[in-house]
Amino acid sequence: MTAPRPAFTVGIEEEYLLVDRETRSLVRNPPQELLDACVARLGEQVTPEFLRAQIEVGTRVCRDIAEAREDLKTLRRTVSEVAGERGMAVIASSTHPFSAWHEQQVTDKERYNIFARDLQAVARRLVICGMHVHVGIENPDLRIDLLNQAAYFLPHLLALSTSSPFWQGLDTGLKSYRKSVFSSMPRTGLPHQFSSWAEYQRHVDVLVNTGVIADASMLWWDIRPSARFPTVEMRITDICTNLEDGLTIAALFRSLLGMLFDLRSVNQRWRTYADMLVSENIWRAQRYGISGSLIDFGKMQLVPFAQLAEELVALVWDEAVGFGCQEEVEGVRRILEQGTSADRQLGVYAAATAAGADHDEALTAVVDMLIADTQEGL
C-alpha cells in the first residue's frame, strides 16, 4: 500500500555567532541578560548553544516557505536588535574569520558540560554554526526511505551554502571548513542506509542501552530522522549569511523530498550509491563550493556544479510549483551568479588587501560584511 502523502511542513534552525561591534572578535562571555531578553521576546524559539559565543533560533512548524521566511526574519531581526542594544552583533557565518577556538567558553549547562567532558578538545573546537532544515514526514518507514535516497543530493546543498573559508585568521583553501571541523566528531557524516524504522531503532537502542549516548539526538549525521519531531532533518549545510540563500536551500530540500515521494508513488526510486562515492562529492563541495565540479555517477565524469544546479532546478520544478516556492528554488541561479557567503568573504578580503589593508584589517572588513549581510532584507 502506498503511504499517504506527507504534510511536508518546514522548520528551519539557524545558529549565529556573537561578535563585539568594536573589536569584531567573538564575545567570549556575553551577559545572561542578552539571552534573557531574547527569550522574553521570542520564547522557546531562541536557545543557548554549546559555546557562549553562539545562539540558536528555530522557526515554528511552517506550512510553506513563505511562512518560514516571515518567522525567520522575525528571529534574525530580534536577536540582532537585542545584541545591538548591548554593543554586539550577530553574524550568520559557519566560522568566525579570526577568533581562536581555544579562547571560547562552554555554556554552563549539564548537557553541554557532559558533552565537553566526553569529547574534550574535539568538542571545544566546535566554534562553528550550521543551518538545519526539517521537513515533516509523519510515517517513520517513509522517513527512512526518503532519507536514504536524499543523501545523494547532500553535496549539492552543501555547495550552495558554504560560508566558512577562514579559520583562526587563515584562508583554509576550503569553502566549508566547518565541515572538516565537525567531521572530527563521532557519529557524523553520512548515515547508514537502514531498511526500515525498526532497523534504525534497533541500532539506536544499542548505543542508548550501553550508555554510549543519551538519545538519538546525539547522532549528528548530515541527514537524520529528527529525535524530537516527525521530520527528516538535513544538517550538512553551513549557515547562509544571506537569509534568502537559506530559504532557497530549504525550498530545494523540501522539493527534493516531494520529488522522491512522487517517484515512490509510481514504484520508482532514485538510485542509491555507495557512501564512498557520495562522500567524494561532499569533499568536493566543501573544498570548491559552487565554483568546482561534482561527479555525475551516471555519466562517470566530473560535471561543473553550475550545470548540475540547473539540472537540479529542472528535476524538482513540478514540486516547487506544487509547493508554491518556484521563486525560492530559482534562487539557485542567484547564488550561482552572486556567489555564496564564502565567495563573498574571500572577495572582500582580496579587495581590502588590494586597497592596501593589512591582514588583520582585511579580516575586520570581512566581519563587517558578515554583520551587514546577516541583517540584509530584515
Protein backbone atom coordinates (compact mmCIF):
# COMPACT_ATOMS: atom_id res chain seq x y z
CA MET A 1 0.00 0.00 0.00
CA THR A 2 1.27 3.46 -0.91
CA ALA A 3 1.92 5.65 2.11
CA PRO A 4 -0.32 8.75 2.37
CA ARG A 5 1.27 11.95 1.10
CA PRO A 6 3.15 13.62 3.96
CA ALA A 7 2.41 17.13 5.17
CA PHE A 8 5.88 18.32 4.05
CA THR A 9 5.82 21.05 6.70
CA VAL A 10 9.02 23.06 7.10
CA GLY A 11 11.12 24.14 10.06
CA ILE A 12 14.49 25.90 9.96
CA GLU A 13 17.09 26.16 12.71
CA GLU A 14 19.92 28.67 12.45
CA GLU A 15 22.99 29.13 14.64
CA TYR A 16 24.68 32.54 14.92
CA LEU A 17 27.94 33.85 16.32
CA LEU A 18 28.02 36.88 18.64
CA VAL A 19 30.70 39.48 17.90
CA ASP A 20 31.84 42.63 19.67
CA ARG A 21 30.96 45.65 17.49
CA GLU A 22 34.19 47.43 18.41
CA THR A 23 36.77 44.63 18.10
CA ARG A 24 34.77 42.36 15.75
CA SER A 25 36.04 39.42 17.83
CA LEU A 26 33.76 36.77 19.26
CA VAL A 27 32.16 37.72 22.56
CA ARG A 28 33.55 35.10 24.91
CA ASN A 29 31.24 35.77 27.85
CA PRO A 30 28.07 37.62 26.80
CA PRO A 31 25.82 38.74 29.67
CA GLN A 32 22.99 36.43 30.67
CA GLU A 33 20.61 39.32 30.16
CA LEU A 34 21.16 39.06 26.40
CA LEU A 35 19.68 35.59 26.27
CA ASP A 36 17.02 36.55 28.81
CA ALA A 37 15.95 39.49 26.64
CA CYS A 38 15.80 37.28 23.55
CA VAL A 39 13.72 34.67 25.38
CA ALA A 40 11.39 37.37 26.69
CA ARG A 41 10.62 38.39 23.10
CA LEU A 42 10.87 35.06 21.30
CA GLY A 43 10.12 32.41 23.91
CA GLU A 44 11.37 28.91 23.24
CA GLN A 45 12.31 29.83 19.67
CA VAL A 46 15.71 31.02 20.90
CA THR A 47 18.13 28.89 22.92
CA PRO A 48 21.76 28.95 24.06
CA GLU A 49 24.26 26.85 22.16
CA PHE A 50 27.28 24.79 23.21
CA LEU A 51 29.58 27.82 23.35
CA ARG A 52 28.63 31.12 24.94
CA ALA A 53 29.58 32.96 21.74
CA GLN A 54 26.75 31.16 19.94
CA ILE A 55 22.98 31.49 19.93
CA GLU A 56 20.39 29.36 18.13
CA VAL A 57 16.95 30.16 16.76
CA GLY A 58 14.27 27.92 15.29
CA THR A 59 11.13 28.67 13.35
CA ARG A 60 7.76 27.28 14.24
CA VAL A 61 6.33 24.42 12.20
CA CYS A 62 5.57 26.22 8.94
CA ARG A 63 3.12 25.25 6.22
CA ASP A 64 5.28 26.67 3.46
CA ILE A 65 8.45 28.60 2.69
CA ALA A 66 6.65 31.96 2.75
CA GLU A 67 5.62 31.36 6.35
CA ALA A 68 9.13 30.20 7.23
CA ARG A 69 10.55 33.41 5.72
CA GLU A 70 8.44 35.67 7.93
CA ASP A 71 9.24 33.68 11.06
CA LEU A 72 12.96 33.56 10.31
CA LYS A 73 13.04 37.29 9.57
CA THR A 74 11.49 38.00 12.96
CA LEU A 75 14.00 35.74 14.69
CA ARG A 76 17.07 37.22 12.98
CA ARG A 77 15.85 40.78 13.40
CA THR A 78 15.02 40.37 17.08
CA VAL A 79 18.29 38.69 18.04
CA SER A 80 20.20 41.33 16.04
CA GLU A 81 18.33 44.15 17.80
CA VAL A 82 18.90 42.71 21.27
CA ALA A 83 22.59 42.17 20.56
CA GLY A 84 22.93 45.65 19.04
CA GLU A 85 21.49 47.27 22.16
CA ARG A 86 24.36 45.72 24.10
CA GLY A 87 27.24 46.61 21.80
CA MET A 88 27.22 43.31 19.96
CA ALA A 89 26.17 41.96 16.59
CA VAL A 90 25.23 38.56 15.24
CA ILE A 91 26.82 37.03 12.16
CA ALA A 92 25.34 34.14 10.22
CA SER A 93 28.64 32.55 9.32
CA SER A 94 29.77 29.00 9.94
CA THR A 95 33.15 30.13 11.24
CA HIS A 96 34.50 33.42 12.58
CA PRO A 97 37.24 34.83 10.32
CA PHE A 98 39.88 35.20 13.03
CA SER A 99 38.87 34.41 16.63
CA ALA A 100 40.61 31.44 18.26
CA TRP A 101 38.62 28.39 19.33
CA HIS A 102 40.66 27.75 22.48
CA GLU A 103 39.63 31.15 23.90
CA GLN A 104 35.89 30.37 23.87
CA GLN A 105 33.81 29.39 26.89
CA VAL A 106 31.38 26.49 27.17
CA THR A 107 27.80 27.31 28.18
CA ASP A 108 27.24 26.14 31.76
CA LYS A 109 24.51 23.58 31.13
CA GLU A 110 24.58 19.93 32.21
CA ARG A 111 24.21 18.53 28.70
CA TYR A 112 26.97 20.77 27.36
CA ASN A 113 29.28 20.07 30.30
CA ILE A 114 28.92 16.32 29.73
CA PHE A 115 29.49 16.84 26.03
CA ALA A 116 32.69 18.83 26.67
CA ARG A 117 33.92 16.29 29.22
CA ASP A 118 33.34 13.29 26.95
CA LEU A 119 34.74 14.72 23.72
CA GLN A 120 37.41 17.04 25.15
CA ALA A 121 39.29 19.14 22.55
CA VAL A 122 37.23 17.69 19.72
CA ALA A 123 34.18 19.40 21.25
CA ARG A 124 35.94 22.59 22.31
CA ARG A 125 36.99 23.21 18.69
CA LEU A 126 33.34 23.48 17.62
CA VAL A 127 33.26 27.24 17.09
CA ILE A 128 31.08 26.52 14.09
CA CYS A 129 27.48 27.20 13.11
CA GLY A 130 25.09 25.44 10.78
CA MET A 131 21.58 25.50 9.37
CA HIS A 132 19.21 22.57 9.84
CA VAL A 133 16.09 22.12 7.72
CA HIS A 134 13.25 19.90 8.95
CA VAL A 135 10.61 18.56 6.57
CA GLY A 136 7.55 16.88 8.08
CA ILE A 137 7.09 13.22 7.10
CA GLU A 138 4.78 11.51 9.55
CA ASN A 139 5.27 7.87 8.53
CA PRO A 140 8.53 6.62 10.12
CA ASP A 141 9.31 3.97 7.48
CA LEU A 142 8.72 6.53 4.74
CA ARG A 143 11.01 8.90 6.62
CA ILE A 144 13.82 6.33 6.45
CA ASP A 145 13.21 5.51 2.80
CA LEU A 146 13.26 9.13 1.61
CA LEU A 147 16.23 9.94 3.82
CA ASN A 148 18.25 7.14 2.19
CA GLN A 149 17.59 8.50 -1.29
CA ALA A 150 18.03 12.17 -0.39
CA ALA A 151 21.62 11.56 0.75
CA TYR A 152 22.69 11.68 -2.91
CA PHE A 153 21.85 15.40 -3.05
CA LEU A 154 23.66 16.47 0.12
CA PRO A 155 26.82 17.63 -1.72
CA HIS A 156 24.71 19.92 -3.90
CA LEU A 157 23.06 21.53 -0.87
CA LEU A 158 26.39 21.96 0.92
CA ALA A 159 27.98 23.63 -2.11
CA LEU A 160 25.16 26.20 -2.26
CA SER A 161 25.51 27.07 1.44
CA THR A 162 29.24 27.49 2.03
CA SER A 163 30.19 30.24 4.49
CA SER A 164 33.36 29.11 6.28
CA PRO A 165 36.53 29.79 4.26
CA PHE A 166 38.50 31.27 7.19
CA TRP A 167 39.63 29.62 10.41
CA GLN A 168 41.59 31.41 13.14
CA GLY A 169 42.80 34.06 10.70
CA LEU A 170 43.84 31.68 7.94
CA ASP A 171 42.41 31.23 4.47
CA THR A 172 41.85 27.46 4.65
CA GLY A 173 41.52 26.98 0.89
CA LEU A 174 38.14 25.36 1.56
CA LYS A 175 34.75 26.94 1.04
CA SER A 176 33.31 24.99 4.01
CA TYR A 177 35.96 24.45 6.65
CA ARG A 178 33.17 23.94 9.17
CA LYS A 179 32.53 20.51 7.63
CA SER A 180 36.13 19.50 8.33
CA VAL A 181 35.91 20.64 11.94
CA PHE A 182 32.61 18.87 12.52
CA SER A 183 33.83 15.65 10.92
CA SER A 184 36.25 15.10 13.79
CA MET A 185 33.22 14.27 15.94
CA PRO A 186 31.91 10.72 16.35
CA ARG A 187 28.62 9.75 14.71
CA THR A 188 28.88 12.36 11.95
CA GLY A 189 28.89 12.16 8.16
CA LEU A 190 26.54 10.03 6.12
CA PRO A 191 24.12 7.76 7.97
CA HIS A 192 23.95 4.04 7.36
CA GLN A 193 21.20 3.16 4.92
CA PHE A 194 18.63 1.41 7.09
CA SER A 195 15.93 -0.74 5.54
CA SER A 196 13.20 0.32 7.97
CA TRP A 197 12.40 2.40 11.02
CA ALA A 198 12.59 -0.75 13.16
CA GLU A 199 16.13 -1.47 11.98
CA TYR A 200 17.16 2.12 12.65
CA GLN A 201 15.63 1.99 16.14
CA ARG A 202 17.40 -1.30 16.96
CA HIS A 203 20.74 0.29 16.19
CA VAL A 204 19.93 3.38 18.25
CA ASP A 205 18.90 1.16 21.14
CA VAL A 206 22.32 -0.50 21.18
CA LEU A 207 24.02 2.86 21.76
CA VAL A 208 21.44 4.09 24.25
CA ASN A 209 21.22 0.89 26.28
CA THR A 210 25.00 0.64 26.59
CA GLY A 211 25.18 4.24 27.79
CA VAL A 212 27.24 5.44 24.83
CA ILE A 213 24.63 8.11 24.00
CA ALA A 214 21.70 9.51 25.94
CA ASP A 215 19.33 9.52 22.99
CA ALA A 216 19.17 9.73 19.20
CA SER A 217 19.82 13.48 19.23
CA MET A 218 23.49 12.55 19.71
CA LEU A 219 23.61 11.06 16.23
CA TRP A 220 25.00 14.08 14.39
CA TRP A 221 24.72 12.78 10.84
CA ASP A 222 24.50 15.02 7.78
CA ILE A 223 20.87 13.93 7.44
CA ARG A 224 18.84 12.06 10.03
CA PRO A 225 15.40 11.30 11.39
CA SER A 226 14.88 14.04 13.94
CA ALA A 227 14.91 12.80 17.52
CA ARG A 228 12.30 15.41 18.53
CA PHE A 229 9.96 15.75 15.57
CA PRO A 230 8.42 13.53 12.87
CA THR A 231 10.76 15.02 10.28
CA VAL A 232 13.72 14.34 8.05
CA GLU A 233 16.38 16.77 9.27
CA MET A 234 19.02 17.97 6.80
CA ARG A 235 22.12 19.10 8.72
CA ILE A 236 25.00 19.18 6.24
CA THR A 237 24.74 22.83 5.25
CA ASP A 238 26.68 25.81 6.50
CA ILE A 239 24.60 28.68 7.85
CA CYS A 240 23.78 31.03 4.97
CA THR A 241 24.74 34.63 5.70
CA ASN A 242 22.05 35.87 3.32
CA LEU A 243 18.61 34.86 4.58
CA GLU A 244 17.24 34.32 1.07
CA ASP A 245 20.05 31.86 0.28
CA GLY A 246 18.99 29.76 3.23
CA LEU A 247 15.36 29.82 2.14
CA THR A 248 16.40 28.71 -1.34
CA ILE A 249 18.15 25.68 0.14
CA ALA A 250 15.16 24.91 2.38
CA ALA A 251 12.81 25.10 -0.61
CA LEU A 252 15.13 22.93 -2.67
CA PHE A 253 15.37 20.27 0.06
CA ARG A 254 11.61 20.21 0.57
CA SER A 255 11.03 19.93 -3.17
CA LEU A 256 13.58 17.13 -3.45
CA LEU A 257 11.74 15.10 -0.83
CA GLY A 258 8.48 15.77 -2.64
CA MET A 259 10.01 14.55 -5.90
CA LEU A 260 11.32 11.38 -4.23
CA PHE A 261 7.90 10.69 -2.73
CA ASP A 262 6.25 11.07 -6.12
CA LEU A 263 8.73 8.60 -7.64
CA ARG A 264 7.92 6.14 -4.86
CA SER A 265 4.19 6.53 -5.54
CA VAL A 266 4.72 5.08 -9.02
CA ASN A 267 7.06 2.32 -7.80
CA GLN A 268 10.24 4.12 -8.78
CA ARG A 269 13.10 5.48 -6.72
CA TRP A 270 16.32 7.45 -7.00
CA ARG A 271 19.31 5.20 -7.36
CA THR A 272 21.43 4.98 -4.23
CA TYR A 273 25.23 4.95 -4.42
CA ALA A 274 27.95 3.76 -2.08
CA ASP A 275 28.88 6.13 0.72
CA MET A 276 32.43 6.35 -0.61
CA LEU A 277 31.12 7.93 -3.83
CA VAL A 278 28.71 10.38 -2.20
CA SER A 279 31.42 11.27 0.33
CA GLU A 280 33.77 12.15 -2.52
CA ASN A 281 31.21 14.65 -3.80
CA ILE A 282 30.76 16.02 -0.28
CA TRP A 283 34.51 16.63 -0.12
CA ARG A 284 34.45 18.37 -3.49
CA ALA A 285 31.57 20.57 -2.29
CA GLN A 286 33.36 21.62 0.88
CA ARG A 287 36.60 22.22 -0.99
CA TYR A 288 35.35 24.08 -4.08
CA GLY A 289 31.75 25.12 -3.36
CA ILE A 290 29.82 26.24 -6.41
CA SER A 291 32.98 27.05 -8.39
CA GLY A 292 34.02 23.43 -8.78
CA SER A 293 32.55 20.22 -10.15
CA LEU A 294 30.90 17.10 -8.79
CA ILE A 295 30.94 13.55 -10.09
CA ASP A 296 27.94 12.60 -12.19
CA PHE A 297 27.85 8.90 -11.37
CA GLY A 298 25.60 8.10 -14.33
CA LYS A 299 27.91 9.79 -16.84
CA MET A 300 31.04 8.68 -14.96
CA GLN A 301 32.58 12.13 -15.29
CA LEU A 302 33.10 15.40 -13.46
CA VAL A 303 30.44 17.97 -14.32
CA PRO A 304 30.60 21.71 -13.47
CA PHE A 305 28.44 22.46 -10.47
CA ALA A 306 26.57 25.22 -12.30
CA GLN A 307 25.33 22.66 -14.84
CA LEU A 308 24.29 20.23 -12.12
CA ALA A 309 22.47 23.02 -10.27
CA GLU A 310 20.41 23.81 -13.37
CA GLU A 311 19.56 20.13 -13.74
CA LEU A 312 18.51 20.07 -10.08
CA VAL A 313 16.15 23.00 -10.54
CA ALA A 314 14.56 21.25 -13.52
CA LEU A 315 14.32 17.98 -11.59
CA VAL A 316 12.26 19.48 -8.74
CA TRP A 317 10.39 22.13 -10.71
CA ASP A 318 6.99 20.41 -10.67
CA GLU A 319 7.25 20.01 -6.89
CA ALA A 320 8.31 23.63 -6.49
CA VAL A 321 5.22 24.69 -8.41
CA GLY A 322 3.04 22.47 -6.25
CA PHE A 323 4.57 23.86 -3.06
CA GLY A 324 4.40 27.44 -4.35
CA CYS A 325 8.14 28.02 -3.93
CA GLN A 326 9.28 28.45 -7.54
CA GLU A 327 10.88 31.81 -6.78
CA GLU A 328 12.88 30.38 -3.90
CA VAL A 329 14.06 27.38 -5.94
CA GLU A 330 15.06 29.69 -8.79
CA GLY A 331 17.23 31.44 -6.19
CA VAL A 332 19.78 28.75 -7.01
CA ARG A 333 20.63 30.87 -10.07
CA ARG A 334 21.09 33.95 -7.88
CA ILE A 335 23.56 32.04 -5.72
CA LEU A 336 25.44 30.88 -8.81
CA GLU A 337 25.65 34.47 -10.07
CA GLN A 338 26.44 36.27 -6.80
CA GLY A 339 28.40 33.54 -5.06
CA THR A 340 27.93 32.03 -1.64
CA SER A 341 28.94 33.75 1.59
CA ALA A 342 32.32 32.02 1.33
CA ASP A 343 32.86 33.51 -2.12
CA ARG A 344 31.87 36.98 -0.91
CA GLN A 345 34.09 36.75 2.17
CA LEU A 346 37.10 35.84 0.05
CA GLY A 347 36.23 38.64 -2.37
CA VAL A 348 36.04 41.24 0.41
CA TYR A 349 39.36 40.06 1.85
CA ALA A 350 41.05 40.23 -1.56
CA ALA A 351 39.63 43.68 -2.31
CA ALA A 352 40.72 45.04 1.08
CA THR A 353 44.29 43.78 0.72
CA ALA A 354 44.45 45.09 -2.85
CA ALA A 355 43.45 48.50 -1.49
CA GLY A 356 46.33 48.45 0.99
CA ALA A 357 44.78 46.86 4.09
CA ASP A 358 46.96 44.55 6.14
CA HIS A 359 45.85 41.02 7.04
CA ASP A 360 44.03 41.97 10.26
CA GLU A 361 42.31 44.94 8.65
CA ALA A 362 41.13 42.80 5.76
CA LEU A 363 39.66 40.21 8.14
CA THR A 364 37.90 43.00 10.02
CA ALA A 365 36.36 44.07 6.71
CA VAL A 366 35.10 40.51 6.27
CA VAL A 367 33.37 40.63 9.66
CA ASP A 368 31.78 43.96 8.76
CA MET A 369 30.44 42.39 5.58
CA LEU A 370 29.04 39.46 7.57
CA ILE A 371 27.27 41.79 10.00
CA ALA A 372 25.69 43.75 7.15
CA ASP A 373 24.72 40.70 5.07
CA THR A 374 23.21 38.90 8.06
CA GLN A 375 20.76 41.78 8.51
CA GLU A 376 20.02 42.31 4.81
CA GLY A 377 16.33 42.20 3.99
CA LEU A 378 15.16 42.11 7.60
